[in-house]
Protein backbone atom coordinates (compact mmCIF):
# COMPACT_ATOMS: atom_id res chain seq x y z
CA MET A 1 24.80 -6.15 -1.44
CA THR A 2 27.50 -5.09 1.04
CA ARG A 3 28.85 -7.94 3.15
CA PRO A 4 28.30 -7.58 6.92
CA GLU A 5 31.50 -6.66 8.73
CA PHE A 6 33.07 -7.97 11.95
CA VAL A 7 36.03 -6.27 13.59
CA ILE A 8 38.89 -8.34 14.99
CA ALA A 9 40.20 -6.95 18.28
CA SER A 10 43.83 -7.59 17.45
CA GLY A 11 46.70 -6.01 15.60
CA ASN A 12 48.43 -9.37 15.12
CA ALA A 13 48.79 -10.03 11.38
CA GLY A 14 48.99 -13.80 11.87
CA LYS A 15 45.76 -13.91 13.86
CA LEU A 16 44.00 -11.71 11.31
CA LYS A 17 45.05 -14.02 8.49
CA GLU A 18 43.64 -17.04 10.36
CA PHE A 19 40.32 -15.26 10.88
CA GLN A 20 40.17 -14.18 7.23
CA GLN A 21 40.78 -17.75 6.07
CA LEU A 22 38.10 -19.10 8.41
CA PHE A 23 35.46 -16.57 7.35
CA SER A 24 36.33 -16.62 3.64
CA ALA A 25 33.51 -19.08 2.90
CA THR A 26 30.92 -17.02 4.81
CA ASP A 27 29.03 -13.82 4.03
CA ILE A 28 31.07 -11.88 6.59
CA SER A 29 33.88 -9.41 5.92
CA ILE A 30 36.68 -9.31 8.52
CA CYS A 31 38.74 -6.23 9.35
CA PRO A 32 41.37 -5.43 12.02
CA GLN A 33 40.63 -2.90 14.74
CA SER A 34 43.63 -0.87 13.57
CA GLN A 35 41.56 0.10 10.54
CA TYR A 36 39.43 2.15 12.94
CA ASP A 37 42.29 3.40 15.15
CA VAL A 38 40.92 1.50 18.14
CA PRO A 39 43.08 2.02 21.26
CA GLU A 40 44.36 -1.08 23.03
CA ALA A 41 42.08 -2.38 25.76
CA ILE A 42 43.23 -2.54 29.37
CA GLU A 43 43.45 -6.29 29.98
CA ASP A 44 42.78 -6.36 33.70
CA GLY A 45 40.70 -9.55 33.79
CA LEU A 46 41.80 -12.56 35.82
CA SER A 47 41.06 -15.18 33.17
CA PHE A 48 41.41 -15.72 29.43
CA ILE A 49 37.63 -15.41 29.07
CA GLU A 50 37.45 -12.11 30.95
CA ASN A 51 40.24 -10.57 28.89
CA ALA A 52 38.73 -11.77 25.60
CA ILE A 53 35.40 -10.14 26.52
CA ILE A 54 37.16 -6.93 27.60
CA LYS A 55 38.95 -6.71 24.23
CA ALA A 56 35.82 -7.51 22.21
CA ARG A 57 33.78 -4.92 24.12
CA ASN A 58 36.48 -2.31 23.59
CA ALA A 59 36.56 -2.91 19.82
CA ALA A 60 32.75 -2.88 19.57
CA HIS A 61 32.62 0.39 21.53
CA TYR A 62 35.02 2.25 19.25
CA THR A 63 33.79 0.84 15.94
CA GLY A 64 30.08 0.24 16.43
CA LEU A 65 30.61 -3.17 14.78
CA PRO A 66 30.21 -6.74 16.03
CA ALA A 67 33.60 -7.72 17.46
CA ILE A 68 35.69 -10.85 17.96
CA ALA A 69 38.62 -11.06 20.36
CA ASP A 70 40.86 -13.79 21.64
CA ASP A 71 43.03 -14.18 24.70
CA SER A 72 45.43 -17.04 24.86
CA GLY A 73 48.47 -18.37 26.66
CA LEU A 74 50.32 -21.30 28.16
CA GLU A 75 49.35 -23.15 31.34
CA VAL A 76 52.00 -25.37 32.95
CA GLU A 77 50.66 -27.88 35.44
CA ALA A 78 53.78 -27.93 37.67
CA LEU A 79 53.58 -24.13 37.96
CA ASN A 80 49.93 -24.11 39.05
CA GLY A 81 48.82 -22.85 35.63
CA ALA A 82 51.47 -20.17 35.19
CA PRO A 83 52.31 -18.25 33.10
CA GLY A 84 48.60 -18.30 32.10
CA ILE A 85 47.16 -14.88 31.26
CA TYR A 86 50.62 -13.39 31.79
CA SER A 87 52.24 -15.57 29.11
CA ALA A 88 53.30 -12.67 26.88
CA ARG A 89 54.84 -10.77 29.80
CA PHE A 90 56.09 -13.67 31.91
CA ASN A 91 59.56 -12.21 32.31
CA GLU A 92 58.77 -8.48 32.15
CA ASP A 93 61.32 -6.21 33.78
CA ALA A 94 60.96 -4.13 36.95
CA ASN A 95 59.34 -1.32 34.96
CA GLY A 96 56.67 -3.62 33.56
CA VAL A 97 58.22 -3.62 30.08
CA ARG A 98 57.65 -6.83 28.13
CA THR A 99 60.73 -8.78 27.18
CA SER A 100 61.37 -11.11 24.26
CA ASP A 101 59.92 -14.55 23.57
CA GLU A 102 63.39 -15.95 24.21
CA SER A 103 63.49 -14.34 27.64
CA ASN A 104 60.08 -15.77 28.54
CA ASN A 105 61.23 -19.19 27.39
CA GLU A 106 64.41 -18.97 29.44
CA LYS A 107 62.43 -18.16 32.57
CA LEU A 108 60.08 -21.09 31.95
CA LEU A 109 63.00 -23.48 31.47
CA SER A 110 64.69 -22.27 34.63
CA LEU A 111 61.55 -22.92 36.67
CA LEU A 112 61.23 -26.44 35.26
CA LYS A 113 64.92 -27.32 35.41
CA GLY A 114 65.48 -30.92 36.42
CA LYS A 115 61.84 -31.93 36.27
CA PRO A 116 61.05 -35.18 34.39
CA ASP A 117 58.63 -35.37 31.47
CA ALA A 118 55.87 -36.56 33.80
CA GLU A 119 56.02 -33.18 35.53
CA ARG A 120 56.32 -31.04 32.39
CA SER A 121 52.77 -31.32 31.03
CA ALA A 122 51.27 -28.10 29.71
CA SER A 123 48.39 -26.75 27.64
CA PHE A 124 47.97 -23.84 25.30
CA VAL A 125 44.56 -22.27 25.95
CA CYS A 126 42.55 -19.94 23.71
CA ALA A 127 39.36 -18.12 24.66
CA LEU A 128 37.40 -16.39 21.90
CA ALA A 129 34.63 -13.89 22.57
CA PHE A 130 32.09 -12.50 20.09
CA MET A 131 29.95 -9.48 20.94
CA ARG A 132 27.15 -8.16 18.74
CA HIS A 133 27.63 -4.71 20.31
CA GLU A 134 29.46 -3.25 23.31
CA LYS A 135 26.53 -3.86 25.70
CA ASP A 136 25.82 -7.40 24.51
CA PRO A 137 24.57 -9.21 27.66
CA SER A 138 25.31 -12.68 26.29
CA PRO A 139 28.65 -12.80 24.43
CA VAL A 140 29.41 -15.98 22.51
CA VAL A 141 32.45 -17.53 24.22
CA CYS A 142 34.45 -20.53 22.99
CA VAL A 143 37.44 -22.07 24.75
CA ALA A 144 39.86 -24.68 23.41
CA ARG A 145 42.93 -26.42 24.86
CA TRP A 146 45.96 -27.96 23.16
CA ASP A 147 47.93 -30.39 25.31
CA GLY A 148 51.66 -31.03 25.19
CA ILE A 149 54.91 -31.30 27.16
CA ILE A 150 57.53 -28.62 27.81
CA LEU A 151 60.88 -29.58 26.28
CA PRO A 152 64.19 -29.04 28.13
CA VAL A 153 65.61 -27.20 25.08
CA PRO A 154 63.95 -25.33 22.17
CA GLN A 155 63.25 -27.11 18.88
CA GLY A 156 62.22 -25.64 15.53
CA SER A 157 62.08 -22.16 14.05
CA ASN A 158 58.43 -21.79 13.03
CA GLY A 159 55.77 -20.13 15.12
CA PHE A 160 56.40 -17.75 18.00
CA GLY A 161 56.20 -17.48 21.77
CA TYR A 162 56.52 -20.83 23.51
CA ASP A 163 56.15 -22.88 20.30
CA PRO A 164 59.80 -24.11 20.32
CA LEU A 165 59.29 -25.59 23.80
CA PHE A 166 55.83 -27.11 23.27
CA TYR A 167 56.28 -30.77 22.35
CA LEU A 168 53.45 -32.80 20.80
CA PRO A 169 53.92 -36.54 21.46
CA GLU A 170 51.39 -37.57 18.81
CA TYR A 171 53.36 -35.67 16.14
CA GLY A 172 56.85 -36.35 17.54
CA CYS A 173 57.89 -32.71 17.25
CA ALA A 174 57.57 -29.27 18.77
CA SER A 175 54.86 -26.84 17.72
CA ALA A 176 57.62 -24.75 16.10
CA GLU A 177 58.40 -27.68 13.77
CA LEU A 178 54.87 -28.12 12.44
CA ASP A 179 53.76 -27.11 8.97
CA ARG A 180 51.81 -23.86 9.34
CA ASP A 181 48.61 -25.25 7.85
CA VAL A 182 48.74 -28.25 10.18
CA LYS A 183 49.34 -26.02 13.18
CA ASN A 184 46.47 -23.70 12.26
CA ARG A 185 44.15 -26.70 12.07
CA ILE A 186 45.06 -28.44 15.33
CA SER A 187 46.19 -25.61 17.61
CA HIS A 188 44.21 -24.12 20.48
CA ARG A 189 43.32 -21.09 18.36
CA GLY A 190 42.42 -23.21 15.34
CA GLN A 191 40.10 -25.35 17.47
CA ALA A 192 38.52 -22.30 19.11
CA LEU A 193 37.94 -20.65 15.75
CA GLN A 194 36.12 -23.73 14.47
CA LEU A 195 33.95 -23.77 17.61
CA LEU A 196 33.15 -20.09 17.17
CA LEU A 197 32.23 -20.53 13.52
CA ALA A 198 29.83 -23.35 14.44
CA GLN A 199 28.24 -21.24 17.21
CA LEU A 200 27.77 -18.21 14.97
CA ASN A 201 26.27 -20.41 12.28
CA SER A 202 23.82 -22.02 14.72
CA LEU A 203 22.72 -18.56 15.88
CA GLY A 204 22.14 -17.44 12.29
CA LEU A 205 24.81 -14.76 12.55
CA ILE A 206 26.72 -16.09 9.55
CA SER A 207 25.74 -18.12 6.52
């Protein structure tokens, strides 16, 4: 019997690997949207949840398959939640072209310059959306947060994005210094994936 297939609305190889590991013990086969030449969705939502639903709906529309999408980013309390949904393009240039992770990190550090640890609290947030089809009126949505503190200087070489600046007091290191398996288990995305798996199981969509 052919395994049911879900499409992942992402071209990120790291994300795809995490999804494949999570679903490996289920009866579901996972594939990236690139396998179906799905065009990138226009992420014009104003929240992580809205953008995750937009991306899942886009993938479901072009593939005809149930779709899973995530939208994630960093919220810094002292910056009123910025960079938030704009985390990947926090320091984009005047033409709207995204710059490097290092450039985004430099901008974040400049905005927090001189602030004490008590004013450097932050959270990584991940919203996951699952849609049975593009017109699904009740998407399954799971949101998880991962709390930390923004360091004054980068630490570690693992991970990507803001990982070198995201300090975890309970582990005594930055996210970029964690073992990959540990990070995948405790991160915002790892937590959200576990919540999603539980929801899909309770709805009888996986076994």
